Protein backbone atom coordinates (compact mmCIF):
# COMPACT_ATOMS: atom_id res chain seq x y z
CA MET A 1 120.54 170.86 -79.08
CA ASN A 2 117.39 170.28 -77.88
CA GLN A 3 115.49 166.75 -77.05
CA ARG A 4 114.61 165.68 -80.44
CA ASN A 5 117.78 166.28 -81.16
CA PHE A 6 119.71 164.63 -78.25
CA ASP A 7 117.42 161.43 -78.73
CA LYS A 8 118.58 161.55 -81.84
CA ALA A 9 122.64 161.83 -81.68
CA ALA A 10 122.15 158.89 -78.99
CA LEU A 11 120.80 156.63 -80.93
CA ARG A 12 122.23 157.58 -84.37
CA GLY A 13 125.37 159.28 -83.21
CA GLU A 14 126.46 162.39 -84.58
CA PRO A 15 127.89 162.32 -88.10
CA SER A 16 130.85 164.29 -89.69
CA TYR A 17 129.69 168.12 -90.22
CA VAL A 18 132.49 170.23 -90.66
CA TRP A 19 136.11 168.76 -92.23
CA ARG A 20 139.08 169.38 -89.76
CA ALA A 21 141.94 167.33 -89.62
CA GLY A 22 140.09 164.30 -88.04
CA GLN A 23 138.83 163.53 -91.13
CA GLN A 24 140.82 163.87 -92.99
CA ARG A 25 143.49 161.48 -91.12
CA ARG A 26 140.63 158.20 -91.50
CA LEU A 27 140.90 159.81 -94.84
CA ASP A 28 143.67 158.25 -95.43
CA MET A 29 143.79 155.68 -93.77
CA ILE A 30 140.84 154.55 -96.26
CA VAL A 31 142.55 156.15 -99.42
CA LYS A 32 145.59 153.56 -98.34
CA ALA A 33 143.64 150.31 -97.40
CA ALA A 34 141.57 150.64 -100.93
CA GLY A 35 144.45 151.19 -103.47
CA GLU A 36 143.02 150.59 -106.46
CA ARG A 37 139.39 149.40 -105.10
CA LEU A 38 138.37 153.93 -105.45
CA LYS A 39 138.61 154.00 -108.90
CA GLY A 40 135.25 151.15 -108.20
CA ASN A 41 132.37 150.73 -107.02
CA ILE A 42 132.31 152.62 -103.37
CA LEU A 43 129.58 151.69 -100.97
CA GLU A 44 129.88 153.82 -97.50
CA ASN A 45 126.96 152.33 -94.98
CA GLY A 46 125.86 155.28 -92.97
CA CYS A 47 126.65 158.16 -94.56
CA GLY A 48 125.41 160.21 -92.03
CA VAL A 49 125.07 163.83 -94.85
CA GLY A 50 127.49 162.87 -97.12
CA MET A 51 130.62 163.43 -95.62
CA TYR A 52 132.87 161.13 -96.85
CA VAL A 53 130.65 160.13 -99.89
CA GLU A 54 132.22 163.85 -100.45
CA HIS A 55 135.53 163.66 -100.35
CA LEU A 56 136.03 159.76 -101.95
CA SER A 57 134.30 161.13 -104.93
CA PRO A 58 137.23 162.43 -106.31
CA PHE A 59 139.08 159.36 -106.83
CA GLY A 60 137.31 157.92 -109.96
CA GLY A 61 134.73 155.61 -108.24
CA THR A 62 131.19 155.79 -108.07
CA VAL A 63 130.09 156.38 -104.56
CA ILE A 64 126.76 155.57 -102.96
CA GLY A 65 126.35 156.57 -99.98
CA LEU A 66 123.39 154.88 -97.59
CA GLU A 67 122.03 156.49 -94.92
CA TYR A 68 119.07 155.38 -91.99
CA ASP A 69 117.88 158.65 -91.29
CA PHE A 70 115.38 160.22 -93.95
CA GLU A 71 116.54 163.34 -92.53
CA ARG A 72 119.94 163.43 -93.38
CA THR A 73 118.94 161.34 -96.21
CA ALA A 74 118.01 164.45 -97.93
CA GLU A 75 120.40 166.78 -96.70
CA ALA A 76 122.91 164.28 -98.39
CA ARG A 77 120.87 164.48 -101.40
CA THR A 78 121.80 167.96 -101.49
CA ASN A 79 125.33 167.09 -102.19
CA SER A 80 125.79 163.65 -104.24
CA PRO A 81 123.20 162.38 -106.51
CA HIS A 82 123.87 159.01 -104.99
CA ILE A 83 122.13 158.55 -101.41
CA VAL A 84 120.04 155.86 -100.85
CA ASN A 85 117.47 155.67 -97.15
CA ALA A 86 117.47 152.30 -95.74
CA ALA A 87 118.91 150.44 -93.09
CA GLY A 88 122.19 148.08 -92.89
CA GLU A 89 121.55 145.49 -92.25
CA PHE A 90 118.54 145.23 -95.43
CA LEU A 91 120.95 146.46 -97.95
CA PRO A 92 118.68 147.23 -100.72
CA LEU A 93 121.46 146.47 -103.37
CA PRO A 94 122.46 143.43 -105.46
CA SER A 95 125.52 140.87 -103.85
CA GLY A 96 128.23 141.24 -105.16
CA THR A 97 128.18 144.69 -106.57
CA PHE A 98 131.50 147.04 -104.02
CA ASP A 99 134.80 146.89 -104.48
CA LEU A 100 134.89 148.86 -101.21
CA ILE A 101 132.46 149.29 -98.37
CA LEU A 102 133.51 152.50 -95.89
CA SER A 103 131.39 151.60 -92.78
CA HIS A 104 132.37 154.63 -90.00
CA GLU A 105 131.38 154.38 -86.36
CA VAL A 106 128.21 153.33 -87.77
CA ILE A 107 127.39 149.28 -86.58
CA GLU A 108 127.16 150.12 -82.41
CA HIS A 109 123.93 152.60 -83.67
CA VAL A 110 122.03 149.74 -85.84
CA GLN A 111 119.58 147.11 -84.42
CA ASP A 112 121.51 143.85 -85.37
CA ASP A 113 125.24 144.39 -85.84
CA ARG A 114 126.27 140.85 -87.21
CA ALA A 115 123.62 141.22 -89.84
CA ALA A 116 124.53 144.36 -91.02
CA ILE A 117 128.13 143.03 -91.09
CA HIS A 118 126.73 140.01 -93.24
CA GLU A 119 125.09 142.31 -95.85
CA MET A 120 128.41 143.97 -95.90
CA ILE A 121 130.32 140.64 -97.06
CA ARG A 122 127.33 140.08 -99.32
CA VAL A 123 127.16 142.66 -101.43
CA LEU A 124 131.12 142.93 -101.38
CA GLU A 125 132.58 141.25 -104.78
CA PRO A 126 135.53 138.98 -103.73
CA GLY A 127 138.82 140.47 -103.70
CA GLY A 128 136.36 143.55 -102.40
CA ARG A 129 137.29 145.08 -99.30
CA ALA A 130 134.83 146.47 -95.90
CA ILE A 131 136.77 149.33 -93.82
CA ILE A 132 135.14 149.31 -89.98
CA PHE A 133 135.33 152.06 -87.68
CA CYS A 134 134.06 151.39 -84.28
CA PRO A 135 133.73 152.58 -80.86
CA ASN A 136 137.06 150.54 -78.44
CA ARG A 137 135.58 149.25 -75.51
CA GLY A 138 139.35 150.14 -74.06
CA TYR A 139 139.02 153.76 -74.32
CA PRO A 140 138.08 155.70 -71.16
CA PHE A 141 135.52 157.31 -71.67
CA GLU A 142 132.46 156.54 -73.29
CA THR A 143 131.51 159.42 -75.90
CA HIS A 144 128.41 158.68 -76.90
CA GLY A 145 126.70 159.63 -73.27
CA ILE A 146 124.83 157.70 -70.84
CA TYR A 147 121.07 157.80 -69.61
CA TRP A 148 121.16 158.79 -65.70
CA ASN A 149 117.66 158.37 -63.86
CA GLY A 150 115.60 158.53 -67.01
CA ASN A 151 116.97 161.53 -68.29
CA TYR A 152 119.98 161.08 -71.04
CA ARG A 153 123.91 163.32 -70.40
CA PHE A 154 125.35 164.13 -73.58
CA GLY A 155 129.48 164.04 -73.66
CA ASN A 156 131.94 161.57 -72.62
CA LYS A 157 131.50 160.05 -69.82
CA LEU A 158 134.82 158.53 -67.81
CA PHE A 159 135.67 154.76 -67.25
CA VAL A 160 131.49 154.40 -67.96
CA ASN A 161 132.88 151.38 -70.54
CA TYR A 162 135.60 149.68 -67.56
CA LEU A 163 131.85 147.85 -65.82
CA PRO A 164 131.10 144.71 -66.43
CA ARG A 165 128.98 145.09 -69.45
CA VAL A 166 125.27 143.99 -67.73
CA LEU A 167 126.01 147.84 -65.95
CA ARG A 168 127.61 149.46 -68.95
CA ASP A 169 124.78 148.42 -70.79
CA LYS A 170 121.85 149.98 -68.65
CA LEU A 171 124.22 153.28 -68.66
CA ALA A 172 124.13 153.32 -72.06
CA PRO A 173 122.21 150.86 -73.52
CA HIS A 174 121.56 153.40 -76.80
CA VAL A 175 125.39 152.18 -78.11
CA ARG A 176 127.74 148.99 -78.64
CA ILE A 177 131.39 149.07 -77.65
CA TYR A 178 133.50 146.37 -78.88
CA SER A 179 136.32 144.16 -78.23
CA LYS A 180 138.72 142.74 -80.28
CA ARG A 181 137.19 139.48 -79.43
CA ASP A 182 133.45 141.62 -80.38
CA MET A 183 134.40 142.16 -83.50
CA GLN A 184 136.06 139.43 -83.84
CA LYS A 185 132.14 137.12 -83.46
CA LEU A 186 130.62 139.52 -86.06
CA PHE A 187 133.02 137.77 -88.65
CA GLU A 188 132.26 134.29 -87.82
CA GLY A 189 132.02 131.77 -90.20
CA LEU A 190 132.08 134.46 -93.85
CA PRO A 191 133.84 134.37 -95.98
CA VAL A 192 136.25 137.28 -95.11
CA LYS A 193 140.76 137.61 -94.21
CA PHE A 194 141.99 140.22 -92.51
CA ILE A 195 143.71 143.22 -93.66
CA GLU A 196 144.87 144.91 -90.87
CA ARG A 197 143.40 144.76 -87.14
CA THR A 198 143.86 148.01 -85.25
CA ILE A 199 142.80 150.38 -82.96
CA ILE A 200 143.76 154.36 -82.82
CA PHE A 201 143.31 157.61 -80.96
CA GLY A 202 141.46 160.64 -82.11
CA ALA A 203 142.61 163.65 -83.38
CA TYR A 204 140.66 165.85 -80.73
CA ASP A 205 140.32 168.95 -83.14
CA ASN A 206 138.07 169.94 -80.12
CA ILE A 207 140.85 169.89 -77.73
CA ILE A 208 143.65 171.64 -80.17
CA ALA A 209 140.56 174.79 -80.92
CA ARG A 210 140.29 175.77 -77.49
CA PHE A 211 143.84 174.95 -75.65
CA GLY A 212 145.83 175.31 -79.37
CA ALA A 213 149.62 173.67 -78.50
CA PHE A 214 148.55 171.25 -76.07
CA GLY A 215 145.58 170.05 -77.87
CA GLU A 216 148.70 169.65 -80.12
CA VAL A 217 151.20 167.75 -78.09
CA LEU A 218 148.13 165.96 -76.67
CA ARG A 219 147.93 164.91 -79.91
CA GLY A 220 150.76 163.66 -80.57
CA ILE A 221 151.61 162.08 -78.01
CA LEU A 222 148.57 160.18 -77.92
CA GLN A 223 148.31 158.73 -81.65
CA PHE A 224 152.46 158.02 -81.19
CA LEU A 225 150.93 155.26 -78.60
CA GLU A 226 148.89 153.67 -81.59
CA LYS A 227 152.22 151.93 -82.50
CA THR A 228 153.04 150.54 -78.57
CA PRO A 229 150.25 147.91 -76.64
CA LEU A 230 148.94 150.71 -74.80
CA GLN A 231 146.64 150.86 -78.60
CA ILE A 232 144.34 149.22 -76.38
CA PHE A 233 143.15 152.52 -74.53
CA GLY A 234 142.86 153.90 -78.55
CA LEU A 235 139.13 155.58 -79.58
CA SER A 236 137.65 153.51 -82.34
CA HIS A 237 138.92 149.99 -84.08
CA PHE A 238 139.72 150.17 -87.24
CA TRP A 239 139.12 147.32 -89.09
CA VAL A 240 140.26 146.67 -92.93
CA VAL A 241 138.51 142.78 -94.38
CA GLU A 242 138.85 141.39 -97.66
CA LYS A 243 136.31 139.45 -99.52
CA ILE A 244 137.52 135.53 -100.33
């Protein structure tokens, strides 16, 4: 990966390029939370190269993908005609338009996360749902890399997220991390009710590809912990929010 791609990965994250067990598991969660809304108007807010747009389309709804990065927008358009190049804080879409919005590991990268949440709720119709995945501060690794001595260091960095926030944010100024309280603040004053608020572990497809059965056992153990108080150490928040 060249320096330009490192910089883009740091600022905007890396979208899903290959569909594997982890993506399928999250899609199954989305489908369960969405219900009949899958047959309506759907927005993926921060669609990357369009993987979830493609996999949500067969359920019968009209799926629109919104992506800030122009190059990723162009790539997504090769597989879907409904891709918009815009910022999540300023959705160029009418209010009350969508039955379902997916925000998959995106709000941590936007310039103003509260504005992005406000916009998602604005364009939902009453009874519509926003499904949000974003990084959990309790996870032992910062998965987006850090800056050290002026250089970006890509990869998983242990215990960075457990530092006092002022220090953590100096090491990782390019990406936010969320506690449950942080998430709650994003929705203060908005006309919503919370359908589900939980924390999930990853699917660890890379570990399984490298270590086989050991990786599968590890995934099974960690995903079992989602049903216990130890879920606080999970990878991502999974919130389902309904507009009222």
